[in-house]
Amino acid sequence: MSSTPIIRNIQLTRYDFPFENVGKDLGFAMGAFYEPGSMGSRRVLGIRINTDTGVTGEYMSVAPGTFEQIQSFAPFLIGKNATHRELFYNQAKIILRKQDRMGIGPIDIALWDLAGKLHEAPIYQLLGGHREKLPAYASTYHADKTNGGLNSPEAYADFAQQCLELGYKGFKIHSWAEVDIQREIDTIHAVGERVGGRMALMIDPCCVYDTFADTLAVGRACDDQDFFWYEDPMRDGGVSLYAHKQLKKMIKTPLLQGEHIHLVEAHTDMAIAEATDFWRADPEYDGGITGTMKVASAAEGFGMDLELHIAGPAQRHCMAAMRNSNFYEMGLVHPKLPNIANPPVYSCGYADQLESIDKDGYVEVPKGPGLGVEYDWSGSEKYKLDELTIA
């Protein structure tokens, strides 16, 4: 097979997958939650990069707001060698310099899928990875607004117990995304008293606390229950270096920051500012697999760990090639709902659902060429919104 596949065209297809009993309220920090009788949805962008050799790079992305960004830089790829990922990464950074650059990630992941197929190897092997099983933590939906599966601090504790019994190594609370600080504190104590010492515990309020005082009060509750990390609490949106540096001084629970900044330079600046204890990255948000591995190497140079955001095949391949990463985030999970971050786009049996771990709490890294998954393009047609070919 030719080692110089030339990109002929890029197909972009947008889908809207329905999810029953899922509510979504823009006054609720855009968090999905259980709401019987409602109909939620998840937008997906399907990417196919076609080459003159017949090898196609494929990826189904759930990252928000990337469609227009991809259109702005994808013409640069046409007619070029599909293996030149570093060239594309750096050129896209410049083209998207006035935007958040999230459009880079989905295209880069599809190019890595193409490379794996070209070399008939899974991506984690191309990266030099050797981990084939990854320890997972359960990452919850937001709390229910009505009676349901996650509607009280005690319900969170019950679900944490269920996840422990399934084999999960950790449990992360996505709570009400509302400013009821006593309820936040009560939830931390309920979960900590039920499963603390047997699971790593985390909380991600999704940037909704109004004041530093509220943020500090929740952090001190995390201290009481020996939480593994505290993530994105404040209305700054997770980007203020100074505010998080100050918070770090006042609590003992480690901070995990970086989901809302992008690419290696910004993550490095956050670490230099002493505004986080753990680094954060996402192949969809941080320049693809190319960008994520840069962030992982930078964190390693600081002697720090990097934790990947949310579940997916690209995340599994990246984590398999990292030394300094502790957990795979299985999310979003709920006692009564399927994972809205894992729409039914696969035809090969790959899944990121509550029960997708083995009895010891691990997930496997896909072994097939590229991402190691097969997408159900024909089955997804009924959810198609539109399609664009760039040539």
Protein backbone atom coordinates (compact mmCIF):
# COMPACT_ATOMS: atom_id res chain seq x y z
CA MET A 1 0.00 0.00 0.00
CA SER A 2 1.26 3.50 -0.86
CA SER A 3 2.88 5.38 2.02
CA THR A 4 1.87 8.74 0.54
CA PRO A 5 -1.94 8.87 0.48
CA ILE A 6 -3.15 12.15 -1.01
CA ILE A 7 -6.33 13.67 0.38
CA ARG A 8 -9.02 13.95 -2.30
CA ASN A 9 -11.95 15.23 -0.27
CA ILE A 10 -13.40 15.53 3.21
CA GLN A 11 -17.02 14.63 3.90
CA LEU A 12 -18.71 16.31 6.85
CA THR A 13 -22.13 14.97 7.92
CA ARG A 14 -24.17 16.36 10.79
CA TYR A 15 -26.57 14.18 12.78
CA ASP A 16 -28.99 14.68 15.66
CA PHE A 17 -29.45 11.53 17.76
CA PRO A 18 -32.54 11.42 20.03
CA PHE A 19 -32.43 10.35 23.70
CA GLU A 20 -35.64 9.55 25.52
CA ASN A 21 -36.23 10.83 29.06
CA VAL A 22 -33.32 13.29 28.88
CA GLY A 23 -33.99 16.90 29.81
CA LYS A 24 -31.83 19.86 28.98
CA ASP A 25 -32.28 23.33 30.42
CA LEU A 26 -30.11 26.31 29.44
CA GLY A 27 -30.74 27.72 32.90
CA PHE A 28 -29.23 24.52 34.26
CA ALA A 29 -25.65 24.98 33.00
CA MET A 30 -26.59 23.08 29.83
CA GLY A 31 -26.34 19.83 31.79
CA ALA A 32 -28.29 16.76 30.71
CA PHE A 33 -30.47 15.15 33.39
CA TYR A 34 -33.20 12.54 33.82
CA GLU A 35 -36.66 13.87 32.98
CA PRO A 36 -39.32 11.20 32.28
CA GLY A 37 -41.33 11.87 29.14
CA SER A 38 -38.94 14.41 27.66
CA MET A 39 -36.85 13.99 24.51
CA GLY A 40 -33.26 15.15 24.46
CA SER A 41 -30.72 14.89 21.67
CA ARG A 42 -27.00 14.88 20.93
CA ARG A 43 -25.44 16.47 17.88
CA VAL A 44 -22.74 14.44 16.13
CA LEU A 45 -20.38 15.42 13.32
CA GLY A 46 -19.31 12.55 11.07
CA ILE A 47 -15.96 13.00 9.32
CA ARG A 48 -14.59 10.95 6.41
CA ILE A 49 -11.23 11.90 4.90
CA ASN A 50 -10.92 10.15 1.53
CA THR A 51 -7.58 9.59 -0.23
CA ASP A 52 -6.40 8.47 -3.65
CA THR A 53 -5.24 5.14 -2.18
CA GLY A 54 -8.75 4.19 -1.08
CA VAL A 55 -7.83 4.48 2.61
CA THR A 56 -10.34 6.61 4.52
CA GLY A 57 -9.90 8.23 7.91
CA GLU A 58 -13.16 8.22 9.90
CA TYR A 59 -14.39 9.80 13.10
CA MET A 60 -17.73 10.61 14.72
CA SER A 61 -17.28 13.70 16.89
CA VAL A 62 -19.49 14.99 19.72
CA ALA A 63 -17.42 18.15 20.29
CA PRO A 64 -19.56 21.30 20.11
CA GLY A 65 -19.05 24.16 17.67
CA THR A 66 -16.47 22.63 15.34
CA PHE A 67 -18.34 22.45 12.00
CA GLU A 68 -17.65 26.04 10.92
CA GLN A 69 -14.05 25.96 12.15
CA ILE A 70 -13.32 22.82 10.15
CA GLN A 71 -14.69 24.45 7.01
CA SER A 72 -12.25 27.34 7.45
CA PHE A 73 -9.08 25.19 7.40
CA ALA A 74 -10.06 21.89 5.71
CA PRO A 75 -9.40 23.20 2.15
CA PHE A 76 -5.71 23.44 3.14
CA LEU A 77 -5.64 19.64 3.41
CA ILE A 78 -6.94 18.88 -0.07
CA GLY A 79 -4.23 17.53 -2.37
CA LYS A 80 -1.75 17.03 0.46
CA ASN A 81 -0.18 13.95 2.05
CA ALA A 82 -2.60 12.65 4.70
CA THR A 83 0.27 11.59 6.98
CA HIS A 84 1.52 15.16 7.48
CA ARG A 85 -0.43 15.68 10.70
CA GLU A 86 2.11 18.04 12.29
CA LEU A 87 1.88 20.37 9.29
CA PHE A 88 -1.92 20.41 9.49
CA TYR A 89 -1.93 20.92 13.26
CA ASN A 90 0.32 23.96 13.08
CA GLN A 91 -1.36 25.51 10.05
CA ALA A 92 -4.84 25.09 11.59
CA LYS A 93 -3.60 26.80 14.78
CA ILE A 94 -2.79 29.90 12.73
CA ILE A 95 -5.95 29.84 10.61
CA LEU A 96 -8.06 29.53 13.78
CA ARG A 97 -6.03 31.99 15.85
CA LYS A 98 -9.08 34.24 16.47
CA GLN A 99 -11.19 31.28 17.63
CA ASP A 100 -10.87 28.59 20.31
CA ARG A 101 -9.21 26.11 17.87
CA MET A 102 -11.48 23.20 18.85
CA GLY A 103 -11.99 22.41 15.16
CA ILE A 104 -8.50 20.95 14.94
CA GLY A 105 -9.21 17.93 17.13
CA PRO A 106 -11.85 15.97 15.17
CA ILE A 107 -9.90 16.26 11.90
CA ASP A 108 -6.63 15.21 13.55
CA ILE A 109 -8.31 12.16 15.09
CA ALA A 110 -9.64 11.13 11.65
CA LEU A 111 -6.12 11.53 10.23
CA TRP A 112 -4.73 9.26 12.96
CA ASP A 113 -7.44 6.71 12.11
CA LEU A 114 -6.27 6.90 8.50
CA ALA A 115 -2.63 6.42 9.54
CA GLY A 116 -3.49 3.35 11.58
CA LYS A 117 -5.35 1.82 8.66
CA LEU A 118 -2.46 2.67 6.35
CA HIS A 119 0.00 0.86 8.62
CA GLU A 120 -2.52 -1.81 9.69
CA ALA A 121 -1.97 -1.04 13.37
CA PRO A 122 -4.01 0.47 16.22
CA ILE A 123 -3.20 4.08 17.07
CA TYR A 124 -1.90 3.30 20.56
CA GLN A 125 0.80 1.09 19.01
CA LEU A 126 1.81 3.87 16.59
CA LEU A 127 2.15 6.10 19.67
CA GLY A 128 4.36 3.53 21.38
CA GLY A 129 1.73 2.62 23.93
CA HIS A 130 1.61 -0.68 25.76
CA ARG A 131 -1.32 -0.35 28.18
CA GLU A 132 -4.20 -2.47 26.90
CA LYS A 133 -6.58 -2.09 29.85
CA LEU A 134 -7.43 1.18 31.60
CA PRO A 135 -8.93 1.75 35.09
CA ALA A 136 -12.22 3.67 34.87
CA TYR A 137 -14.20 6.00 37.09
CA ALA A 138 -17.94 6.62 36.84
CA SER A 139 -18.78 10.20 35.82
CA THR A 140 -22.43 11.05 36.43
CA TYR A 141 -25.13 13.00 34.67
CA HIS A 142 -26.29 16.16 36.41
CA ALA A 143 -28.84 15.72 39.17
CA ASP A 144 -32.50 15.13 38.34
CA LYS A 145 -34.91 18.01 38.83
CA THR A 146 -37.79 15.64 39.59
CA ASN A 147 -38.01 12.27 41.32
CA GLY A 148 -35.69 9.91 39.56
CA GLY A 149 -32.31 8.28 39.80
CA LEU A 150 -30.16 11.19 41.08
CA ASN A 151 -32.44 13.54 42.97
CA SER A 152 -30.86 13.81 46.43
CA PRO A 153 -27.53 13.47 48.22
CA GLU A 154 -28.64 10.00 49.34
CA ALA A 155 -29.41 9.02 45.73
CA TYR A 156 -25.87 9.98 44.72
CA ALA A 157 -24.53 7.83 47.55
CA ASP A 158 -26.71 4.92 46.39
CA PHE A 159 -25.40 5.28 42.83
CA ALA A 160 -21.82 5.49 44.05
CA GLN A 161 -22.39 2.22 45.93
CA GLN A 162 -23.80 0.66 42.76
CA CYS A 163 -20.77 1.80 40.77
CA LEU A 164 -18.41 0.44 43.42
CA GLU A 165 -20.13 -2.94 43.22
CA LEU A 166 -19.80 -2.91 39.42
CA GLY A 167 -16.04 -2.54 39.87
CA TYR A 168 -15.41 1.16 39.26
CA LYS A 169 -12.22 2.61 40.74
CA GLY A 170 -13.67 6.09 41.24
CA PHE A 171 -16.84 8.17 41.21
CA LYS A 172 -17.31 11.76 40.05
CA ILE A 173 -20.28 13.91 40.99
CA HIS A 174 -21.81 16.23 38.42
CA SER A 175 -24.37 17.80 40.74
CA TRP A 176 -27.36 20.11 40.30
CA ALA A 177 -25.47 22.84 38.41
CA GLU A 178 -27.33 25.27 40.64
CA VAL A 179 -26.11 27.36 43.54
CA ASP A 180 -27.42 25.55 46.61
CA ILE A 181 -24.15 25.24 48.45
CA GLN A 182 -25.50 23.32 51.43
CA ARG A 183 -26.93 20.69 49.09
CA GLU A 184 -23.56 20.45 47.34
CA ILE A 185 -21.85 19.96 50.70
CA ASP A 186 -24.46 17.41 51.81
CA THR A 187 -23.90 15.43 48.59
CA ILE A 188 -20.14 15.37 49.13
CA HIS A 189 -20.59 14.08 52.67
CA ALA A 190 -23.23 11.51 51.70
CA VAL A 191 -21.02 10.02 48.98
CA GLY A 192 -17.85 10.23 51.05
CA GLU A 193 -19.42 8.55 54.08
CA ARG A 194 -20.83 5.76 51.90
CA VAL A 195 -17.87 4.81 49.68
CA GLY A 196 -14.94 6.95 50.83
CA GLY A 197 -11.74 4.99 51.25
CA ARG A 198 -12.93 2.41 48.71
CA MET A 199 -13.11 4.64 45.61
CA ALA A 200 -11.37 7.77 44.43
CA LEU A 201 -13.95 10.59 44.69
CA MET A 202 -14.22 13.73 42.58
CA ILE A 203 -16.68 16.57 42.00
CA ASP A 204 -17.19 18.77 38.93
CA PRO A 205 -19.73 21.57 39.57
CA CYS A 206 -19.34 22.76 35.93
CA CYS A 207 -18.42 26.36 36.76
CA VAL A 208 -21.63 27.43 38.55
CA TYR A 209 -20.57 28.72 41.99
CA ASP A 210 -21.11 32.46 42.25
CA THR A 211 -18.60 33.40 44.91
CA PHE A 212 -15.13 32.43 46.02
CA ALA A 213 -16.56 31.89 49.50
CA ASP A 214 -19.00 29.26 48.19
CA THR A 215 -16.21 27.63 46.21
CA LEU A 216 -14.04 27.50 49.31
CA ALA A 217 -16.83 26.01 51.44
CA VAL A 218 -17.34 23.17 48.97
CA GLY A 219 -13.59 22.64 48.74
CA ARG A 220 -13.34 22.26 52.50
CA ALA A 221 -16.14 19.66 52.41
CA CYS A 222 -14.03 17.81 49.83
CA ASP A 223 -11.11 18.03 52.27
CA ASP A 224 -13.25 16.45 55.00
CA GLN A 225 -14.00 13.47 52.76
CA ASP A 226 -10.50 13.15 51.28
CA PHE A 227 -11.61 13.75 47.68
CA PHE A 228 -9.18 12.86 44.91
CA TRP A 229 -9.84 16.11 43.01
CA TYR A 230 -12.06 19.20 42.74
CA GLU A 231 -12.79 20.43 39.20
CA ASP A 232 -14.08 23.63 37.56
CA PRO A 233 -16.12 25.13 40.41
CA MET A 234 -16.28 28.87 39.59
CA ARG A 235 -18.14 31.20 37.22
CA ASP A 236 -14.86 32.21 35.60
CA GLY A 237 -15.43 29.20 33.35
CA GLY A 238 -12.35 27.36 34.53
CA VAL A 239 -9.81 29.77 33.03
CA SER A 240 -8.72 32.15 35.81
CA LEU A 241 -5.14 31.39 36.79
CA TYR A 242 -5.08 33.67 39.82
CA ALA A 243 -8.40 32.53 41.33
CA HIS A 244 -7.43 28.87 41.18
CA LYS A 245 -3.96 29.58 42.53
CA GLN A 246 -5.60 31.26 45.54
CA LEU A 247 -8.03 28.36 45.98
CA LYS A 248 -5.15 25.88 45.89
CA LYS A 249 -3.54 27.68 48.84
CA MET A 250 -6.65 27.31 51.00
CA ILE A 251 -7.70 23.68 50.57
CA LYS A 252 -5.87 20.37 50.57
CA THR A 253 -7.99 18.65 47.88
CA PRO A 254 -6.09 18.72 44.57
CA LEU A 255 -7.53 20.85 41.77
CA LEU A 256 -8.04 19.50 38.27
CA GLN A 257 -8.24 22.39 35.78
CA GLY A 258 -7.88 22.80 32.03
CA GLU A 259 -11.01 21.49 30.31
CA HIS A 260 -11.89 24.99 29.11
CA ILE A 261 -8.48 26.07 27.89
CA HIS A 262 -7.05 24.55 24.74
CA LEU A 263 -3.71 23.34 23.36
CA VAL A 264 -0.36 22.77 24.99
CA GLU A 265 0.68 26.42 25.47
CA ALA A 266 -2.36 27.31 27.58
CA HIS A 267 -2.10 24.16 29.69
CA THR A 268 1.58 24.84 30.32
CA ASP A 269 0.84 28.41 31.37
CA MET A 270 -1.76 27.14 33.86
CA ALA A 271 0.78 24.80 35.42
CA ILE A 272 3.46 27.51 35.62
CA ALA A 273 0.91 29.77 37.34
CA GLU A 274 0.38 27.01 39.95
CA ALA A 275 -3.34 27.08 39.19
CA THR A 276 -3.88 23.32 39.03
CA ASP A 277 -2.60 20.06 40.49
CA PHE A 278 -3.73 17.76 37.67
CA TRP A 279 -3.63 18.66 33.98
CA ARG A 280 -6.72 18.11 31.79
CA ALA A 281 -6.94 17.34 28.07
CA ASP A 282 -9.38 16.02 25.48
CA PRO A 283 -8.44 14.86 21.96
CA GLU A 284 -11.52 16.64 20.60
CA TYR A 285 -10.77 19.90 22.44
CA ASP A 286 -6.95 20.03 22.45
CA GLY A 287 -5.81 19.58 18.88
CA GLY A 288 -6.61 15.91 18.43
CA ILE A 289 -4.36 13.02 19.31
CA THR A 290 -1.40 15.08 18.09
CA GLY A 291 -2.23 17.93 20.47
CA THR A 292 -3.18 15.72 23.41
CA MET A 293 0.11 13.85 23.34
CA LYS A 294 1.94 17.20 23.36
CA VAL A 295 0.00 18.16 26.50
CA ALA A 296 0.76 14.79 28.10
CA SER A 297 4.48 15.18 27.42
CA ALA A 298 4.49 18.72 28.81
CA ALA A 299 2.76 17.52 31.98
CA GLU A 300 5.28 14.71 32.30
CA GLY A 301 8.07 17.28 32.10
CA PHE A 302 6.54 19.04 35.10
CA GLY A 303 6.28 15.75 36.99
CA MET A 304 2.47 16.04 36.89
CA ASP A 305 -0.41 13.81 35.83
CA LEU A 306 -2.85 14.39 32.98
CA GLU A 307 -6.45 13.21 33.17
CA LEU A 308 -8.42 12.87 29.94
CA HIS A 309 -11.88 14.35 29.57
CA ILE A 310 -14.83 12.03 28.89
CA ALA A 311 -14.96 8.64 27.13
CA GLY A 312 -14.25 7.62 23.56
CA PRO A 313 -11.93 5.53 21.37
CA ALA A 314 -9.47 8.41 20.85
CA GLN A 315 -9.21 8.86 24.61
CA ARG A 316 -8.49 5.16 25.08
CA HIS A 317 -5.65 5.19 22.55
CA CYS A 318 -4.09 8.32 24.05
CA MET A 319 -4.29 7.04 27.62
CA ALA A 320 -2.77 3.72 26.56
CA ALA A 321 0.32 5.63 25.43
CA MET A 322 0.63 7.77 28.58
CA ARG A 323 2.52 6.93 31.74
CA ASN A 324 1.12 9.84 33.74
CA SER A 325 -2.64 9.26 33.63
CA ASN A 326 -4.70 7.63 36.38
CA PHE A 327 -8.29 7.10 35.21
CA TYR A 328 -10.52 6.71 32.18
CA GLU A 329 -13.65 8.85 32.54
CA MET A 330 -16.71 6.68 31.84
CA GLY A 331 -19.34 9.30 31.31
CA LEU A 332 -21.91 10.33 31.41
CA VAL A 333 -23.56 7.57 33.47
CA HIS A 334 -26.87 7.36 35.33
CA PRO A 335 -28.88 4.57 36.98
CA LYS A 336 -31.73 5.00 34.45
CA LEU A 337 -30.22 6.50 31.30
CA PRO A 338 -27.77 5.53 28.53
CA ASN A 339 -24.70 7.69 28.02
CA ILE A 340 -25.69 10.79 26.02
CA ALA A 341 -21.99 11.39 25.28
CA ASN A 342 -21.88 7.98 23.53
CA PRO A 343 -24.58 8.07 20.81
CA PRO A 344 -25.28 4.78 18.96
CA VAL A 345 -22.82 5.41 16.11
CA TYR A 346 -20.94 2.08 16.17
CA SER A 347 -21.57 -1.17 14.31
CA CYS A 348 -18.77 -3.14 15.99
CA GLY A 349 -19.94 -3.48 19.59
CA TYR A 350 -17.78 -0.67 20.98
CA ALA A 351 -19.55 1.12 23.84
CA ASP A 352 -19.00 3.56 26.71
CA GLN A 353 -21.91 2.74 28.98
CA LEU A 354 -22.32 2.18 32.71
CA GLU A 355 -21.70 -1.56 32.38
CA SER A 356 -18.94 -1.36 29.75
CA ILE A 357 -16.22 -2.13 32.32
CA ASP A 358 -14.97 -5.56 33.34
CA LYS A 359 -15.41 -6.93 36.87
CA ASP A 360 -12.19 -5.23 37.97
CA GLY A 361 -13.27 -1.81 36.69
CA TYR A 362 -11.21 -1.67 33.49
CA VAL A 363 -11.95 -0.93 29.83
CA GLU A 364 -10.01 -2.38 26.92
CA VAL A 365 -8.18 -0.40 24.27
CA PRO A 366 -9.47 -1.25 20.74
CA LYS A 367 -7.05 -3.51 18.89
CA GLY A 368 -8.14 -3.00 15.26
CA PRO A 369 -6.37 -0.71 12.76
CA GLY A 370 -6.65 3.01 13.44
CA LEU A 371 -9.22 3.82 16.10
CA GLY A 372 -10.18 0.15 16.03
CA VAL A 373 -13.91 0.86 15.70
CA GLU A 374 -16.43 0.60 12.88
CA TYR A 375 -19.03 3.30 12.42
CA ASP A 376 -22.63 2.62 11.46
CA TRP A 377 -22.86 5.15 8.65
CA SER A 378 -25.93 3.60 7.04
CA GLY A 379 -27.80 3.17 10.32
CA SER A 380 -27.09 6.80 11.21
CA GLU A 381 -28.68 8.10 8.01
CA LYS A 382 -32.11 8.48 9.59
CA TYR A 383 -30.67 11.04 11.98
CA LYS A 384 -28.81 13.07 9.30
CA LEU A 385 -29.31 16.81 9.22
CA ASP A 386 -27.05 17.80 6.32
CA GLU A 387 -23.81 16.97 4.53
CA LEU A 388 -20.93 18.94 3.02
CA THR A 389 -18.04 17.72 0.86
CA ILE A 390 -14.84 19.77 0.74
CA ALA A 391 -12.73 19.03 -2.32
